[in-house]
N, C-alpha and C. Protein backbone atom coordinates (compact mmCIF):
# COMPACT_ATOMS: atom_id res chain seq x y z
N ILE A 1 0.86 -1.18 0.00
CA ILE A 1 0.00 0.00 0.00
C ILE A 1 0.89 1.23 0.00
N LEU A 2 0.68 2.12 -0.92
CA LEU A 2 1.40 3.38 -0.97
C LEU A 2 0.43 4.48 -0.58
N ILE A 3 0.79 5.22 0.43
CA ILE A 3 -0.08 6.29 0.93
C ILE A 3 0.69 7.59 0.88
N ASN A 4 0.12 8.56 0.22
CA ASN A 4 0.77 9.85 0.09
C ASN A 4 -0.19 10.94 0.57
N GLN A 5 -0.61 10.81 1.82
CA GLN A 5 -1.53 11.78 2.41
C GLN A 5 -1.42 11.71 3.93
N PHE A 6 -1.97 12.70 4.60
CA PHE A 6 -1.98 12.71 6.06
C PHE A 6 -2.89 11.61 6.57
N LEU A 7 -2.43 10.90 7.59
CA LEU A 7 -3.24 9.87 8.25
C LEU A 7 -3.35 10.21 9.72
N ASP A 8 -4.55 10.08 10.26
CA ASP A 8 -4.69 10.29 11.70
C ASP A 8 -4.30 9.01 12.43
N ASP A 9 -4.25 9.07 13.73
CA ASP A 9 -3.80 7.92 14.52
C ASP A 9 -4.63 6.67 14.30
N ASP A 10 -5.95 6.82 14.17
CA ASP A 10 -6.81 5.65 13.94
C ASP A 10 -6.49 4.98 12.61
N ASP A 11 -6.28 5.79 11.56
CA ASP A 11 -5.94 5.23 10.25
C ASP A 11 -4.60 4.49 10.32
N ILE A 12 -3.63 5.09 10.99
CA ILE A 12 -2.32 4.46 11.12
C ILE A 12 -2.43 3.14 11.87
N ASN A 13 -3.18 3.14 12.97
CA ASN A 13 -3.34 1.91 13.74
C ASN A 13 -3.95 0.80 12.90
N LYS A 14 -4.98 1.11 12.13
CA LYS A 14 -5.62 0.09 11.29
C LYS A 14 -4.64 -0.48 10.27
N LEU A 15 -3.89 0.40 9.64
CA LEU A 15 -2.92 -0.07 8.65
C LEU A 15 -1.83 -0.92 9.29
N MET A 16 -1.31 -0.47 10.39
CA MET A 16 -0.21 -1.19 11.04
C MET A 16 -0.67 -2.56 11.55
N LEU A 17 -1.86 -2.63 12.09
CA LEU A 17 -2.35 -3.90 12.61
C LEU A 17 -2.64 -4.92 11.52
N ASN A 18 -2.72 -4.46 10.28
CA ASN A 18 -2.97 -5.35 9.15
C ASN A 18 -1.75 -5.49 8.25
N SER A 19 -0.58 -5.22 8.78
CA SER A 19 0.65 -5.27 8.00
C SER A 19 1.61 -6.31 8.56
N HIS A 20 2.53 -6.75 7.71
CA HIS A 20 3.57 -7.67 8.14
C HIS A 20 4.90 -6.98 8.34
N PHE A 21 5.09 -5.85 7.69
CA PHE A 21 6.31 -5.06 7.77
C PHE A 21 5.92 -3.58 7.73
N SER A 22 6.86 -2.77 8.12
CA SER A 22 6.74 -1.32 7.91
C SER A 22 7.91 -0.93 7.02
N LEU A 23 7.64 -0.16 5.99
CA LEU A 23 8.67 0.26 5.04
C LEU A 23 8.98 1.73 5.26
N LEU A 24 10.26 2.03 5.54
CA LEU A 24 10.70 3.40 5.80
C LEU A 24 11.84 3.76 4.85
N PRO A 25 11.49 4.21 3.66
CA PRO A 25 12.51 4.55 2.66
C PRO A 25 12.98 6.00 2.80
N TYR A 26 14.03 6.21 3.53
CA TYR A 26 14.56 7.56 3.74
C TYR A 26 15.83 7.76 2.93
N PRO A 27 16.06 8.99 2.45
CA PRO A 27 17.30 9.25 1.71
C PRO A 27 18.51 9.20 2.64
N THR A 28 19.67 8.95 2.08
CA THR A 28 20.88 8.86 2.89
C THR A 28 21.20 10.17 3.60
N SER A 29 20.64 11.25 3.12
CA SER A 29 20.89 12.56 3.74
C SER A 29 19.97 12.84 4.92
N TYR A 30 19.05 11.93 5.24
CA TYR A 30 18.08 12.14 6.32
C TYR A 30 18.79 12.27 7.65
N THR A 31 18.47 13.32 8.39
CA THR A 31 19.08 13.54 9.71
C THR A 31 18.04 13.77 10.79
N GLY A 32 16.78 13.48 10.50
CA GLY A 32 15.71 13.67 11.48
C GLY A 32 15.73 12.59 12.54
N GLY A 33 14.63 12.44 13.22
CA GLY A 33 14.52 11.49 14.32
C GLY A 33 14.06 10.11 13.86
N ALA A 34 13.98 9.22 14.82
CA ALA A 34 13.63 7.82 14.54
C ALA A 34 12.19 7.51 14.95
N GLY A 35 11.35 8.52 15.03
CA GLY A 35 9.96 8.31 15.46
C GLY A 35 9.22 7.24 14.68
N PRO A 36 9.22 7.28 13.33
CA PRO A 36 8.51 6.24 12.58
C PRO A 36 9.06 4.84 12.84
N LEU A 37 10.35 4.74 13.03
CA LEU A 37 10.98 3.45 13.34
C LEU A 37 10.49 2.94 14.69
N ARG A 38 10.47 3.81 15.66
CA ARG A 38 10.00 3.45 17.00
C ARG A 38 8.51 3.09 16.98
N ASP A 39 7.73 3.87 16.25
CA ASP A 39 6.29 3.59 16.15
C ASP A 39 6.04 2.21 15.54
N SER A 40 6.78 1.88 14.49
CA SER A 40 6.62 0.57 13.86
C SER A 40 6.94 -0.55 14.85
N ALA A 41 7.99 -0.36 15.62
CA ALA A 41 8.38 -1.38 16.61
C ALA A 41 7.28 -1.60 17.63
N SER A 42 6.56 -0.55 17.98
CA SER A 42 5.52 -0.70 19.00
C SER A 42 4.38 -1.61 18.55
N PHE A 43 4.27 -1.84 17.24
CA PHE A 43 3.28 -2.76 16.71
C PHE A 43 3.85 -4.17 16.54
N GLY A 44 5.12 -4.34 16.87
CA GLY A 44 5.76 -5.63 16.70
C GLY A 44 6.07 -5.94 15.24
N LEU A 45 6.20 -4.88 14.45
CA LEU A 45 6.49 -5.08 13.03
C LEU A 45 7.98 -4.96 12.75
N PRO A 46 8.52 -5.94 12.06
CA PRO A 46 9.87 -5.74 11.55
C PRO A 46 9.84 -4.54 10.60
N VAL A 47 10.94 -3.83 10.53
CA VAL A 47 11.01 -2.63 9.71
C VAL A 47 11.98 -2.86 8.56
N ILE A 48 11.54 -2.52 7.38
CA ILE A 48 12.41 -2.51 6.21
C ILE A 48 12.77 -1.04 6.02
N CYS A 49 14.05 -0.73 6.18
CA CYS A 49 14.43 0.69 6.17
C CYS A 49 15.74 0.93 5.44
N SER A 50 15.93 2.17 5.11
CA SER A 50 17.16 2.60 4.45
C SER A 50 18.36 2.34 5.34
N LYS A 51 19.49 2.12 4.70
CA LYS A 51 20.74 1.96 5.44
C LYS A 51 21.34 3.34 5.64
N ILE A 52 20.91 3.98 6.73
CA ILE A 52 21.41 5.31 7.10
C ILE A 52 21.91 5.25 8.54
N PRO A 53 22.81 6.15 8.92
CA PRO A 53 23.42 6.06 10.27
C PRO A 53 22.42 5.97 11.42
N LEU A 54 21.37 6.75 11.39
CA LEU A 54 20.40 6.72 12.48
C LEU A 54 19.78 5.34 12.63
N PHE A 55 19.37 4.73 11.53
CA PHE A 55 18.76 3.42 11.58
C PHE A 55 19.80 2.33 11.84
N ASP A 56 21.02 2.52 11.34
CA ASP A 56 22.11 1.56 11.62
C ASP A 56 22.29 1.42 13.13
N GLU A 57 22.34 2.55 13.80
CA GLU A 57 22.56 2.56 15.25
C GLU A 57 21.46 1.81 15.98
N MET A 58 20.21 2.07 15.61
CA MET A 58 19.08 1.39 16.26
C MET A 58 19.10 -0.11 15.97
N ASN A 59 19.36 -0.46 14.72
CA ASN A 59 19.31 -1.87 14.34
C ASN A 59 20.47 -2.66 14.92
N THR A 60 21.63 -2.04 15.03
CA THR A 60 22.78 -2.73 15.62
C THR A 60 22.48 -3.13 17.06
N LYS A 61 21.80 -2.27 17.76
CA LYS A 61 21.51 -2.53 19.17
C LYS A 61 20.30 -3.43 19.38
N TYR A 62 19.25 -3.28 18.55
CA TYR A 62 17.99 -3.97 18.82
C TYR A 62 17.57 -5.02 17.79
N LEU A 63 18.18 -5.02 16.62
CA LEU A 63 17.99 -6.07 15.61
C LEU A 63 16.52 -6.34 15.25
N PHE A 64 15.80 -5.32 14.81
CA PHE A 64 14.45 -5.55 14.33
C PHE A 64 14.23 -4.97 12.93
N CYS A 65 15.31 -4.64 12.26
CA CYS A 65 15.22 -4.04 10.93
C CYS A 65 15.89 -4.90 9.87
N ILE A 66 15.37 -4.78 8.67
CA ILE A 66 16.05 -5.26 7.49
C ILE A 66 16.44 -3.98 6.75
N GLN A 67 17.72 -3.75 6.63
CA GLN A 67 18.18 -2.52 6.00
C GLN A 67 18.58 -2.79 4.55
N TYR A 68 18.37 -1.82 3.71
CA TYR A 68 18.68 -1.99 2.30
C TYR A 68 19.41 -0.77 1.75
N GLU A 69 20.13 -1.03 0.70
CA GLU A 69 20.81 0.06 0.00
C GLU A 69 20.21 0.27 -1.38
N SER A 70 19.46 -0.70 -1.89
CA SER A 70 18.82 -0.55 -3.20
C SER A 70 17.43 -1.17 -3.17
N ILE A 71 16.61 -0.77 -4.10
CA ILE A 71 15.25 -1.30 -4.20
C ILE A 71 15.26 -2.82 -4.40
N LYS A 72 16.20 -3.33 -5.16
CA LYS A 72 16.29 -4.77 -5.39
C LYS A 72 16.44 -5.52 -4.07
N ASP A 73 17.20 -4.95 -3.15
CA ASP A 73 17.41 -5.60 -1.85
C ASP A 73 16.10 -5.76 -1.09
N ILE A 74 15.21 -4.79 -1.21
CA ILE A 74 13.93 -4.86 -0.50
C ILE A 74 13.17 -6.10 -0.93
N ILE A 75 13.00 -6.26 -2.22
CA ILE A 75 12.23 -7.39 -2.74
C ILE A 75 12.85 -8.71 -2.34
N LEU A 76 14.14 -8.84 -2.50
CA LEU A 76 14.81 -10.09 -2.16
C LEU A 76 14.70 -10.41 -0.67
N ASP A 77 14.89 -9.41 0.18
CA ASP A 77 14.84 -9.65 1.62
C ASP A 77 13.43 -9.97 2.11
N VAL A 78 12.43 -9.29 1.59
CA VAL A 78 11.06 -9.59 2.01
C VAL A 78 10.71 -11.01 1.62
N GLU A 79 11.00 -11.39 0.40
CA GLU A 79 10.71 -12.76 -0.03
C GLU A 79 11.47 -13.78 0.80
N ARG A 80 12.68 -13.45 1.19
CA ARG A 80 13.52 -14.38 1.96
C ARG A 80 13.03 -14.52 3.41
N VAL A 81 12.51 -13.45 3.98
CA VAL A 81 12.26 -13.41 5.42
C VAL A 81 10.80 -13.68 5.81
N VAL A 82 9.85 -13.26 5.00
CA VAL A 82 8.46 -13.30 5.43
C VAL A 82 8.04 -14.71 5.86
N PHE A 83 7.41 -14.77 7.02
CA PHE A 83 6.87 -16.00 7.61
C PHE A 83 7.93 -17.07 7.87
N THR A 84 9.10 -16.64 8.29
CA THR A 84 10.16 -17.57 8.67
C THR A 84 10.50 -17.35 10.14
N ASP A 85 11.40 -18.15 10.65
CA ASP A 85 11.87 -17.95 12.03
C ASP A 85 12.55 -16.59 12.17
N GLU A 86 13.23 -16.16 11.12
CA GLU A 86 13.87 -14.84 11.17
C GLU A 86 12.84 -13.74 11.32
N TYR A 87 11.71 -13.86 10.62
CA TYR A 87 10.63 -12.89 10.73
C TYR A 87 10.11 -12.85 12.17
N GLU A 88 9.90 -14.01 12.75
CA GLU A 88 9.42 -14.09 14.13
C GLU A 88 10.40 -13.43 15.09
N LEU A 89 11.69 -13.64 14.88
CA LEU A 89 12.71 -13.03 15.72
C LEU A 89 12.71 -11.50 15.57
N LEU A 90 12.61 -11.03 14.33
CA LEU A 90 12.55 -9.58 14.10
C LEU A 90 11.34 -8.98 14.81
N SER A 91 10.19 -9.65 14.73
CA SER A 91 8.97 -9.17 15.39
C SER A 91 9.15 -9.13 16.90
N LYS A 92 9.73 -10.20 17.46
CA LYS A 92 9.97 -10.25 18.91
C LYS A 92 10.91 -9.13 19.33
N ASN A 93 11.99 -8.93 18.56
CA ASN A 93 12.94 -7.87 18.88
C ASN A 93 12.29 -6.49 18.81
N ALA A 94 11.38 -6.30 17.86
CA ALA A 94 10.68 -5.02 17.75
C ALA A 94 9.86 -4.76 19.02
N LEU A 95 9.14 -5.76 19.48
CA LEU A 95 8.35 -5.59 20.71
C LEU A 95 9.24 -5.38 21.93
N ASP A 96 10.34 -6.12 22.00
CA ASP A 96 11.28 -5.94 23.12
C ASP A 96 11.82 -4.51 23.13
N PHE A 97 12.20 -4.00 21.97
CA PHE A 97 12.67 -2.63 21.86
C PHE A 97 11.60 -1.66 22.36
N SER A 98 10.38 -1.88 21.93
CA SER A 98 9.29 -0.99 22.31
C SER A 98 9.05 -1.00 23.82
N ARG A 99 9.11 -2.17 24.42
CA ARG A 99 8.91 -2.26 25.87
C ARG A 99 10.03 -1.55 26.64
N LYS A 100 11.25 -1.64 26.15
CA LYS A 100 12.40 -1.03 26.82
C LYS A 100 12.50 0.47 26.56
N ASN A 101 11.78 0.95 25.57
CA ASN A 101 11.90 2.35 25.17
C ASN A 101 10.54 3.04 25.09
N SER A 102 9.64 2.69 25.98
CA SER A 102 8.31 3.32 25.97
C SER A 102 8.43 4.76 26.46
N TRP A 103 7.39 5.54 26.18
CA TRP A 103 7.37 6.94 26.64
C TRP A 103 7.38 7.01 28.16
N ASP A 104 6.75 6.05 28.83
CA ASP A 104 6.76 6.03 30.30
C ASP A 104 8.17 5.87 30.84
N ILE A 105 8.92 4.95 30.26
CA ILE A 105 10.30 4.73 30.70
C ILE A 105 11.16 5.93 30.36
N PHE A 106 11.01 6.45 29.15
CA PHE A 106 11.79 7.61 28.71
C PHE A 106 11.51 8.81 29.60
N SER A 107 10.24 9.09 29.86
CA SER A 107 9.91 10.27 30.69
C SER A 107 10.40 10.07 32.12
N GLY A 108 10.34 8.84 32.64
CA GLY A 108 10.85 8.58 33.98
C GLY A 108 12.32 8.84 34.08
N LYS A 109 13.09 8.43 33.10
CA LYS A 109 14.53 8.69 33.08
C LYS A 109 14.80 10.20 32.99
N TYR A 110 14.04 10.86 32.14
CA TYR A 110 14.23 12.30 31.96
C TYR A 110 13.91 13.04 33.27
N LEU A 111 12.81 12.70 33.91
CA LEU A 111 12.44 13.36 35.16
C LEU A 111 13.45 13.07 36.26
N SER A 112 13.99 11.86 36.28
CA SER A 112 15.01 11.51 37.25
C SER A 112 16.26 12.35 37.06
N LEU A 113 16.67 12.53 35.80
CA LEU A 113 17.83 13.39 35.52
C LEU A 113 17.56 14.84 35.90
N ALA A 114 16.37 15.30 35.61
CA ALA A 114 16.00 16.69 35.93
C ALA A 114 15.99 16.90 37.43
N ALA A 115 15.56 15.91 38.18
CA ALA A 115 15.50 16.02 39.64
C ALA A 115 16.90 16.12 40.26
N ARG A 116 17.89 15.53 39.60
CA ARG A 116 19.26 15.58 40.10
C ARG A 116 19.91 16.95 39.91
N SER A 117 19.38 17.72 38.98
CA SER A 117 19.98 19.03 38.65
C SER A 117 19.71 20.06 39.73
């Protein structure tokens, strides 16, 4: 599904709950945040994403992404991984990442640091 329009939270939830992967094709020059990557993980979805430093860092630590450098890699990797043990592991790692990096945990750490100041 290719969507080129604004989606509200309900629309996003419906799409994510009916998906097997999340595709995040960002240019190599992207320097923004990892919000979409984190959001995908919260649904337990493996992420197919660009091989860029921000995503490299997240994937090296949490292993829930399939990274690609070309469009051909996407097709080959999806066909290779879907509905395999590797897919199940990527999904599990995505949920583990999400549990360890929830907004509750993040805000608690932030407030703890602020209290020390």
